[in-house]
Amino acid sequence: DTTYASSVRGRFTISRDNTKNTVDLQMSSLKPED
């Protein structure tokens, strides 16, 4: 399950790779306030 701050919802995606033991944050439509 994922949750997002309202300011980034729809633009950022959190995901994980259990085999690599990593967590990524994909960010798009970036704004100066990010």
PDB file of all heavy atoms in Angstrom:
ATOM      1  N   ASP A   1       0.844  -1.194   0.000  1.00  0.00           N
ATOM      2  CA  ASP A   1       0.000   0.000   0.000  1.00  0.00           C
ATOM      3  C   ASP A   1       0.878   1.243   0.000  1.00  0.00           C
ATOM      4  O   ASP A   1       1.921   1.282   0.659  1.00  0.00           O
ATOM      5  CB  ASP A   1      -0.906   0.022   1.223  1.00  0.00           C
ATOM      6  CG  ASP A   1      -1.925  -1.104   1.192  1.00  0.00           C
ATOM      7  OD1 ASP A   1      -2.364  -1.484   0.083  1.00  0.00           O
ATOM      8  OD2 ASP A   1      -2.270  -1.621   2.268  1.00  0.00           O
ATOM      9  N   THR A   2       0.438   2.256  -0.734  1.00  0.00           N
ATOM     10  CA  THR A   2       1.225   3.478  -0.845  1.00  0.00           C
ATOM     11  C   THR A   2       0.410   4.691  -0.408  1.00  0.00           C
ATOM     12  O   THR A   2      -0.816   4.709  -0.531  1.00  0.00           O
ATOM     13  CB  THR A   2       1.701   3.703  -2.284  1.00  0.00           C
ATOM     14  OG1 THR A   2       0.569   3.734  -3.169  1.00  0.00           O
ATOM     15  CG2 THR A   2       2.639   2.594  -2.726  1.00  0.00           C
ATOM     16  N   THR A   3       1.103   5.679   0.115  1.00  0.00           N
ATOM     17  CA  THR A   3       0.493   6.954   0.457  1.00  0.00           C
ATOM     18  C   THR A   3       1.405   8.069  -0.027  1.00  0.00           C
ATOM     19  O   THR A   3       2.627   7.882  -0.115  1.00  0.00           O
ATOM     20  CB  THR A   3       0.256   7.109   1.964  1.00  0.00           C
ATOM     21  OG1 THR A   3       1.515   6.966   2.646  1.00  0.00           O
ATOM     22  CG2 THR A   3      -0.702   6.052   2.489  1.00  0.00           C
ATOM     23  N   TYR A   4       0.788   9.199  -0.344  1.00  0.00           N
ATOM     24  CA  TYR A   4       1.529  10.333  -0.881  1.00  0.00           C
ATOM     25  C   TYR A   4       1.062  11.628  -0.247  1.00  0.00           C
ATOM     26  O   TYR A   4      -0.107  11.780   0.104  1.00  0.00           O
ATOM     27  CB  TYR A   4       1.329  10.437  -2.401  1.00  0.00           C
ATOM     28  CG  TYR A   4       1.830   9.240  -3.171  1.00  0.00           C
ATOM     29  CD1 TYR A   4       0.981   8.183  -3.474  1.00  0.00           C
ATOM     30  CD2 TYR A   4       3.155   9.178  -3.588  1.00  0.00           C
ATOM     31  CE1 TYR A   4       1.442   7.076  -4.169  1.00  0.00           C
ATOM     32  CE2 TYR A   4       3.626   8.071  -4.294  1.00  0.00           C
ATOM     33  CZ  TYR A   4       2.768   7.030  -4.568  1.00  0.00           C
ATOM     34  OH  TYR A   4       3.231   5.942  -5.272  1.00  0.00           O
ATOM     35  N   ALA A   5       1.990  12.566  -0.137  1.00  0.00           N
ATOM     36  CA  ALA A   5       1.604  13.914   0.235  1.00  0.00           C
ATOM     37  C   ALA A   5       0.729  14.481  -0.881  1.00  0.00           C
ATOM     38  O   ALA A   5       0.934  14.168  -2.065  1.00  0.00           O
ATOM     39  CB  ALA A   5       2.843  14.779   0.426  1.00  0.00           C
ATOM     40  N   SER A   6      -0.216  15.301  -0.511  1.00  0.00           N
ATOM     41  CA  SER A   6      -1.141  15.847  -1.505  1.00  0.00           C
ATOM     42  C   SER A   6      -0.402  16.662  -2.570  1.00  0.00           C
ATOM     43  O   SER A   6      -0.826  16.719  -3.726  1.00  0.00           O
ATOM     44  CB  SER A   6      -2.199  16.716  -0.827  1.00  0.00           C
ATOM     45  OG  SER A   6      -1.581  17.770  -0.104  1.00  0.00           O
ATOM     46  N   SER A   7       0.728  17.248  -2.176  1.00  0.00           N
ATOM     47  CA  SER A   7       1.481  18.096  -3.105  1.00  0.00           C
ATOM     48  C   SER A   7       2.181  17.307  -4.209  1.00  0.00           C
ATOM     49  O   SER A   7       2.576  17.889  -5.220  1.00  0.00           O
ATOM     50  CB  SER A   7       2.508  18.926  -2.334  1.00  0.00           C
ATOM     51  OG  SER A   7       3.412  18.082  -1.636  1.00  0.00           O
ATOM     52  N   VAL A   8       2.340  15.996  -4.019  1.00  0.00           N
ATOM     53  CA  VAL A   8       3.050  15.198  -5.018  1.00  0.00           C
ATOM     54  C   VAL A   8       2.174  14.108  -5.640  1.00  0.00           C
ATOM     55  O   VAL A   8       2.606  13.444  -6.585  1.00  0.00           O
ATOM     56  CB  VAL A   8       4.317  14.550  -4.423  1.00  0.00           C
ATOM     57  CG1 VAL A   8       5.200  15.596  -3.768  1.00  0.00           C
ATOM     58  CG2 VAL A   8       3.972  13.435  -3.448  1.00  0.00           C
ATOM     59  N   ARG A   9       0.982  13.932  -5.106  1.00  0.00           N
ATOM     60  CA  ARG A   9       0.126  12.839  -5.597  1.00  0.00           C
ATOM     61  C   ARG A   9      -0.171  13.035  -7.088  1.00  0.00           C
ATOM     62  O   ARG A   9      -0.514  14.111  -7.541  1.00  0.00           O
ATOM     63  CB  ARG A   9      -1.174  12.803  -4.798  1.00  0.00           C
ATOM     64  CG  ARG A   9      -2.014  11.551  -5.034  1.00  0.00           C
ATOM     65  CD  ARG A   9      -3.214  11.516  -4.098  1.00  0.00           C
ATOM     66  NE  ARG A   9      -2.791  11.409  -2.700  1.00  0.00           N
ATOM     67  CZ  ARG A   9      -3.100  12.329  -1.784  1.00  0.00           C
ATOM     68  NH1 ARG A   9      -3.797  13.394  -2.127  1.00  0.00           N
ATOM     69  NH2 ARG A   9      -2.696  12.160  -0.545  1.00  0.00           N
ATOM     70  N   GLY A  10      -0.005  11.947  -7.826  1.00  0.00           N
ATOM     71  CA  GLY A  10      -0.218  12.009  -9.271  1.00  0.00           C
ATOM     72  C   GLY A  10       1.052  12.336 -10.050  1.00  0.00           C
ATOM     73  O   GLY A  10       1.089  12.179 -11.269  1.00  0.00           O
ATOM     74  N   ARG A  11       2.087  12.794  -9.343  1.00  0.00           N
ATOM     75  CA  ARG A  11       3.352  13.129 -10.008  1.00  0.00           C
ATOM     76  C   ARG A  11       4.494  12.211  -9.568  1.00  0.00           C
ATOM     77  O   ARG A  11       5.416  11.955 -10.334  1.00  0.00           O
ATOM     78  CB  ARG A  11       3.750  14.579  -9.709  1.00  0.00           C
ATOM     79  CG  ARG A  11       2.725  15.603 -10.171  1.00  0.00           C
ATOM     80  CD  ARG A  11       3.246  17.028 -10.011  1.00  0.00           C
ATOM     81  NE  ARG A  11       3.533  17.373  -8.627  1.00  0.00           N
ATOM     82  CZ  ARG A  11       4.735  17.738  -8.173  1.00  0.00           C
ATOM     83  NH1 ARG A  11       5.763  17.798  -8.990  1.00  0.00           N
ATOM     84  NH2 ARG A  11       4.903  18.064  -6.887  1.00  0.00           N
ATOM     85  N   PHE A  12       4.422  11.739  -8.315  1.00  0.00           N
ATOM     86  CA  PHE A  12       5.477  10.887  -7.769  1.00  0.00           C
ATOM     87  C   PHE A  12       4.943   9.463  -7.590  1.00  0.00           C
ATOM     88  O   PHE A  12       3.760   9.269  -7.287  1.00  0.00           O
ATOM     89  CB  PHE A  12       5.936  11.392  -6.405  1.00  0.00           C
ATOM     90  CG  PHE A  12       6.730  12.683  -6.437  1.00  0.00           C
ATOM     91  CD1 PHE A  12       6.792  13.479  -7.569  1.00  0.00           C
ATOM     92  CD2 PHE A  12       7.414  13.094  -5.310  1.00  0.00           C
ATOM     93  CE1 PHE A  12       7.513  14.664  -7.591  1.00  0.00           C
ATOM     94  CE2 PHE A  12       8.148  14.276  -5.300  1.00  0.00           C
ATOM     95  CZ  PHE A  12       8.196  15.057  -6.452  1.00  0.00           C
ATOM     96  N   THR A  13       5.832   8.489  -7.737  1.00  0.00           N
ATOM     97  CA  THR A  13       5.476   7.089  -7.517  1.00  0.00           C
ATOM     98  C   THR A  13       6.570   6.417  -6.695  1.00  0.00           C
ATOM     99  O   THR A  13       7.745   6.458  -7.070  1.00  0.00           O
ATOM    100  CB  THR A  13       5.311   6.345  -8.844  1.00  0.00           C
ATOM    101  OG1 THR A  13       4.298   6.983  -9.630  1.00  0.00           O
ATOM    102  CG2 THR A  13       4.897   4.895  -8.584  1.00  0.00           C
ATOM    103  N   ILE A  14       6.163   5.798  -5.599  1.00  0.00           N
ATOM    104  CA  ILE A  14       7.105   5.044  -4.775  1.00  0.00           C
ATOM    105  C   ILE A  14       6.963   3.567  -5.114  1.00  0.00           C
ATOM    106  O   ILE A  14       5.849   3.064  -5.315  1.00  0.00           O
ATOM    107  CB  ILE A  14       6.868   5.297  -3.268  1.00  0.00           C
ATOM    108  CG1 ILE A  14       7.975   4.662  -2.430  1.00  0.00           C
ATOM    109  CG2 ILE A  14       5.487   4.834  -2.831  1.00  0.00           C
ATOM    110  CD1 ILE A  14       7.927   5.062  -0.952  1.00  0.00           C
ATOM    111  N   SER A  15       8.089   2.873  -5.171  1.00  0.00           N
ATOM    112  CA  SER A  15       8.057   1.449  -5.475  1.00  0.00           C
ATOM    113  C   SER A  15       9.254   0.785  -4.807  1.00  0.00           C
ATOM    114  O   SER A  15      10.192   1.462  -4.371  1.00  0.00           O
ATOM    115  CB  SER A  15       8.101   1.214  -6.988  1.00  0.00           C
ATOM    116  OG  SER A  15       9.308   1.710  -7.535  1.00  0.00           O
ATOM    117  N   ARG A  16       9.202  -0.519  -4.745  1.00  0.00           N
ATOM    118  CA  ARG A  16      10.327  -1.223  -4.140  1.00  0.00           C
ATOM    119  C   ARG A  16      10.683  -2.451  -4.977  1.00  0.00           C
ATOM    120  O   ARG A  16       9.841  -2.997  -5.696  1.00  0.00           O
ATOM    121  CB  ARG A  16      10.014  -1.634  -2.698  1.00  0.00           C
ATOM    122  CG  ARG A  16       8.904  -2.640  -2.565  1.00  0.00           C
ATOM    123  CD  ARG A  16       8.844  -3.244  -1.166  1.00  0.00           C
ATOM    124  NE  ARG A  16       7.826  -4.278  -1.123  1.00  0.00           N
ATOM    125  CZ  ARG A  16       6.698  -4.173  -0.436  1.00  0.00           C
ATOM    126  NH1 ARG A  16       6.460  -3.070   0.259  1.00  0.00           N
ATOM    127  NH2 ARG A  16       5.824  -5.153  -0.447  1.00  0.00           N
ATOM    128  N   ASP A  17      11.930  -2.865  -4.860  1.00  0.00           N
ATOM    129  CA  ASP A  17      12.425  -4.068  -5.510  1.00  0.00           C
ATOM    130  C   ASP A  17      13.006  -4.955  -4.418  1.00  0.00           C
ATOM    131  O   ASP A  17      14.089  -4.693  -3.897  1.00  0.00           O
ATOM    132  CB  ASP A  17      13.494  -3.704  -6.553  1.00  0.00           C
ATOM    133  CG  ASP A  17      13.924  -4.907  -7.384  1.00  0.00           C
ATOM    134  OD1 ASP A  17      13.979  -6.024  -6.839  1.00  0.00           O
ATOM    135  OD2 ASP A  17      14.236  -4.718  -8.567  1.00  0.00           O
ATOM    136  N   ASN A  18      12.262  -5.997  -4.065  1.00  0.00           N
ATOM    137  CA  ASN A  18      12.685  -6.849  -2.955  1.00  0.00           C
ATOM    138  C   ASN A  18      13.971  -7.610  -3.266  1.00  0.00           C
ATOM    139  O   ASN A  18      14.762  -7.895  -2.366  1.00  0.00           O
ATOM    140  CB  ASN A  18      11.575  -7.823  -2.602  1.00  0.00           C
ATOM    141  CG  ASN A  18      10.360  -7.137  -1.989  1.00  0.00           C
ATOM    142  OD1 ASN A  18      10.439  -5.974  -1.583  1.00  0.00           O
ATOM    143  ND2 ASN A  18       9.241  -7.836  -1.963  1.00  0.00           N
ATOM    144  N   THR A  19      14.205  -7.928  -4.542  1.00  0.00           N
ATOM    145  CA  THR A  19      15.412  -8.679  -4.877  1.00  0.00           C
ATOM    146  C   THR A  19      16.657  -7.809  -4.780  1.00  0.00           C
ATOM    147  O   THR A  19      17.726  -8.269  -4.359  1.00  0.00           O
ATOM    148  CB  THR A  19      15.306  -9.273  -6.284  1.00  0.00           C
ATOM    149  OG1 THR A  19      15.101  -8.216  -7.221  1.00  0.00           O
ATOM    150  CG2 THR A  19      14.154 -10.251  -6.371  1.00  0.00           C
ATOM    151  N   LYS A  20      16.509  -6.536  -5.148  1.00  0.00           N
ATOM    152  CA  LYS A  20      17.630  -5.609  -5.040  1.00  0.00           C
ATOM    153  C   LYS A  20      17.688  -4.935  -3.675  1.00  0.00           C
ATOM    154  O   LYS A  20      18.678  -4.292  -3.337  1.00  0.00           O
ATOM    155  CB  LYS A  20      17.548  -4.540  -6.124  1.00  0.00           C
ATOM    156  CG  LYS A  20      17.683  -5.066  -7.546  1.00  0.00           C
ATOM    157  CD  LYS A  20      17.593  -3.935  -8.551  1.00  0.00           C
ATOM    158  CE  LYS A  20      17.736  -4.435  -9.975  1.00  0.00           C
ATOM    159  NZ  LYS A  20      17.624  -3.330 -10.967  1.00  0.00           N
ATOM    160  N   ASN A  21      16.592  -5.090  -2.906  1.00  0.00           N
ATOM    161  CA  ASN A  21      16.463  -4.443  -1.601  1.00  0.00           C
ATOM    162  C   ASN A  21      16.587  -2.922  -1.719  1.00  0.00           C
ATOM    163  O   ASN A  21      17.327  -2.264  -0.972  1.00  0.00           O
ATOM    164  CB  ASN A  21      17.491  -4.968  -0.596  1.00  0.00           C
ATOM    165  CG  ASN A  21      16.953  -4.960   0.822  1.00  0.00           C
ATOM    166  OD1 ASN A  21      15.754  -5.157   1.057  1.00  0.00           O
ATOM    167  ND2 ASN A  21      17.826  -4.713   1.788  1.00  0.00           N
ATOM    168  N   THR A  22      15.840  -2.377  -2.677  1.00  0.00           N
ATOM    169  CA  THR A  22      15.849  -0.942  -2.915  1.00  0.00           C
ATOM    170  C   THR A  22      14.422  -0.390  -2.935  1.00  0.00           C
ATOM    171  O   THR A  22      13.461  -1.126  -3.195  1.00  0.00           O
ATOM    172  CB  THR A  22      16.521  -0.592  -4.253  1.00  0.00           C
ATOM    173  OG1 THR A  22      15.850  -1.279  -5.316  1.00  0.00           O
ATOM    174  CG2 THR A  22      17.987  -0.982  -4.253  1.00  0.00           C
ATOM    175  N   VAL A  23      14.324   0.890  -2.668  1.00  0.00           N
ATOM    176  CA  VAL A  23      13.065   1.613  -2.766  1.00  0.00           C
ATOM    177  C   VAL A  23      13.308   2.830  -3.647  1.00  0.00           C
ATOM    178  O   VAL A  23      14.232   3.611  -3.388  1.00  0.00           O
ATOM    179  CB  VAL A  23      12.557   2.058  -1.392  1.00  0.00           C
ATOM    180  CG1 VAL A  23      11.258   2.862  -1.536  1.00  0.00           C
ATOM    181  CG2 VAL A  23      12.329   0.851  -0.493  1.00  0.00           C
ATOM    182  N   ASP A  24      12.508   2.980  -4.678  1.00  0.00           N
ATOM    183  CA  ASP A  24      12.660   4.087  -5.609  1.00  0.00           C
ATOM    184  C   ASP A  24      11.555   5.118  -5.447  1.00  0.00           C
ATOM    185  O   ASP A  24      10.436   4.788  -5.018  1.00  0.00           O
ATOM    186  CB  ASP A  24      12.638   3.573  -7.053  1.00  0.00           C
ATOM    187  CG  ASP A  24      13.904   2.831  -7.423  1.00  0.00           C
ATOM    188  OD1 ASP A  24      14.859   2.821  -6.614  1.00  0.00           O
ATOM    189  OD2 ASP A  24      13.942   2.262  -8.528  1.00  0.00           O
ATOM    190  N   LEU A  25      11.882   6.338  -5.828  1.00  0.00           N
ATOM    191  CA  LEU A  25      10.883   7.396  -5.903  1.00  0.00           C
ATOM    192  C   LEU A  25      10.992   8.010  -7.290  1.00  0.00           C
ATOM    193  O   LEU A  25      11.959   8.704  -7.598  1.00  0.00           O
ATOM    194  CB  LEU A  25      11.124   8.465  -4.829  1.00  0.00           C
ATOM    195  CG  LEU A  25      10.066   9.562  -4.759  1.00  0.00           C
ATOM    196  CD1 LEU A  25       8.735   9.003  -4.267  1.00  0.00           C
ATOM    197  CD2 LEU A  25      10.521  10.706  -3.846  1.00  0.00           C
ATOM    198  N   GLN A  26      10.009   7.712  -8.122  1.00  0.00           N
ATOM    199  CA  GLN A  26       9.955   8.266  -9.470  1.00  0.00           C
ATOM    200  C   GLN A  26       9.220   9.590  -9.405  1.00  0.00           C
ATOM    201  O   GLN A  26       8.084   9.647  -8.931  1.00  0.00           O
ATOM    202  CB  GLN A  26       9.251   7.307 -10.421  1.00  0.00           C
ATOM    203  CG  GLN A  26       9.979   5.990 -10.609  1.00  0.00           C
ATOM    204  CD  GLN A  26       9.165   5.022 -11.454  1.00  0.00           C
ATOM    205  OE1 GLN A  26       8.218   4.393 -10.999  1.00  0.00           O
ATOM    206  NE2 GLN A  26       9.527   4.911 -12.714  1.00  0.00           N
ATOM    207  N   MET A  27       9.873  10.633  -9.882  1.00  0.00           N
ATOM    208  CA  MET A  27       9.307  11.974  -9.798  1.00  0.00           C
ATOM    209  C   MET A  27       9.159  12.544 -11.210  1.00  0.00           C
ATOM    210  O   MET A  27      10.124  12.520 -11.987  1.00  0.00           O
ATOM    211  CB  MET A  27      10.216  12.881  -8.962  1.00  0.00           C
ATOM    212  CG  MET A  27      10.538  12.330  -7.580  1.00  0.00           C
ATOM    213  SD  MET A  27      11.559  13.438  -6.584  1.00  0.00           S
ATOM    214  CE  MET A  27      13.067  13.428  -7.535  1.00  0.00           C
ATOM    215  N   SER A  28       8.002  13.028 -11.518  1.00  0.00           N
ATOM    216  CA  SER A  28       7.758  13.622 -12.827  1.00  0.00           C
ATOM    217  C   SER A  28       7.046  14.957 -12.657  1.00  0.00           C
ATOM    218  O   SER A  28       6.577  15.289 -11.561  1.00  0.00           O
ATOM    219  CB  SER A  28       6.935  12.678 -13.708  1.00  0.00           C
ATOM    220  OG  SER A  28       5.673  12.439 -13.132  1.00  0.00           O
ATOM    221  N   SER A  29       6.966  15.697 -13.753  1.00  0.00           N
ATOM    222  CA  SER A  29       6.347  17.032 -13.723  1.00  0.00           C
ATOM    223  C   SER A  29       6.889  17.853 -12.557  1.00  0.00           C
ATOM    224  O   SER A  29       6.129  18.490 -11.820  1.00  0.00           O
ATOM    225  CB  SER A  29       4.823  16.911 -13.634  1.00  0.00           C
ATOM    226  OG  SER A  29       4.306  16.178 -14.717  1.00  0.00           O
ATOM    227  N   LEU A  30       8.171  17.831 -12.415  1.00  0.00           N
ATOM    228  CA  LEU A  30       8.810  18.478 -11.265  1.00  0.00           C
ATOM    229  C   LEU A  30       8.631  19.987 -11.315  1.00  0.00           C
ATOM    230  O   LEU A  30       8.638  20.596 -12.390  1.00  0.00           O
ATOM    231  CB  LEU A  30      10.284  18.107 -11.199  1.00  0.00           C
ATOM    232  CG  LEU A  30      10.551  16.691 -10.662  1.00  0.00           C
ATOM    233  CD1 LEU A  30      11.948  16.218 -11.032  1.00  0.00           C
ATOM    234  CD2 LEU A  30      10.344  16.650  -9.163  1.00  0.00           C
ATOM    235  N   LYS A  31       8.468  20.550 -10.117  1.00  0.00           N
ATOM    236  CA  LYS A  31       8.256  21.982  -9.951  1.00  0.00           C
ATOM    237  C   LYS A  31       9.380  22.571  -9.095  1.00  0.00           C
ATOM    238  O   LYS A  31      10.001  21.840  -8.307  1.00  0.00           O
ATOM    239  CB  LYS A  31       6.921  22.224  -9.249  1.00  0.00           C
ATOM    240  CG  LYS A  31       5.726  21.571  -9.909  1.00  0.00           C
ATOM    241  CD  LYS A  31       4.472  21.747  -9.059  1.00  0.00           C
ATOM    242  CE  LYS A  31       3.272  21.068  -9.693  1.00  0.00           C
ATOM    243  NZ  LYS A  31       2.037  21.236  -8.871  1.00  0.00           N
ATOM    244  N   PRO A  32       9.614  23.850  -9.210  1.00  0.00           N
ATOM    245  CA  PRO A  32      10.655  24.464  -8.369  1.00  0.00           C
ATOM    246  C   PRO A  32      10.430  24.210  -6.879  1.00  0.00           C
ATOM    247  O   PRO A  32      11.403  24.067  -6.123  1.00  0.00           O
ATOM    248  CB  PRO A  32      10.533  25.949  -8.711  1.00  0.00           C
ATOM    249  CG  PRO A  32      10.050  25.955 -10.122  1.00  0.00           C
ATOM    250  CD  PRO A  32       9.095  24.798 -10.213  1.00  0.00           C
ATOM    251  N   GLU A  33       9.162  24.117  -6.472  1.00  0.00           N
ATOM    252  CA  GLU A  33       8.885  23.881  -5.060  1.00  0.00           C
ATOM    253  C   GLU A  33       9.196  22.456  -4.614  1.00  0.00           C
ATOM    254  O   GLU A  33       9.091  22.141  -3.433  1.00  0.00           O
ATOM    255  CB  GLU A  33       7.423  24.224  -4.724  1.00  0.00           C
ATOM    256  CG  GLU A  33       6.396  23.605  -5.654  1.00  0.00           C
ATOM    257  CD  GLU A  33       5.965  24.550  -6.760  1.00  0.00           C
ATOM    258  OE1 GLU A  33       6.836  25.237  -7.346  1.00  0.00           O
ATOM    259  OE2 GLU A  33       4.746  24.596  -7.054  1.00  0.00           O
ATOM    260  N   ASP A  34       9.563  21.585  -5.542  1.00  0.00           N
ATOM    261  CA  ASP A  34      10.023  20.242  -5.175  1.00  0.00           C
ATOM    262  C   ASP A  34      11.495  20.238  -4.778  1.00  0.00           C
ATOM    263  O   ASP A  34      12.016  19.215  -4.328  1.00  0.00           O
ATOM    264  CB  ASP A  34       9.816  19.269  -6.334  1.00  0.00           C
ATOM    265  CG  ASP A  34       8.354  19.035  -6.666  1.00  0.00           C
ATOM    266  OD1 ASP A  34       7.549  18.889  -5.731  1.00  0.00           O
ATOM    267  OD2 ASP A  34       8.023  19.000  -7.880  1.00  0.00           O
TER     268      ASP A  34
END
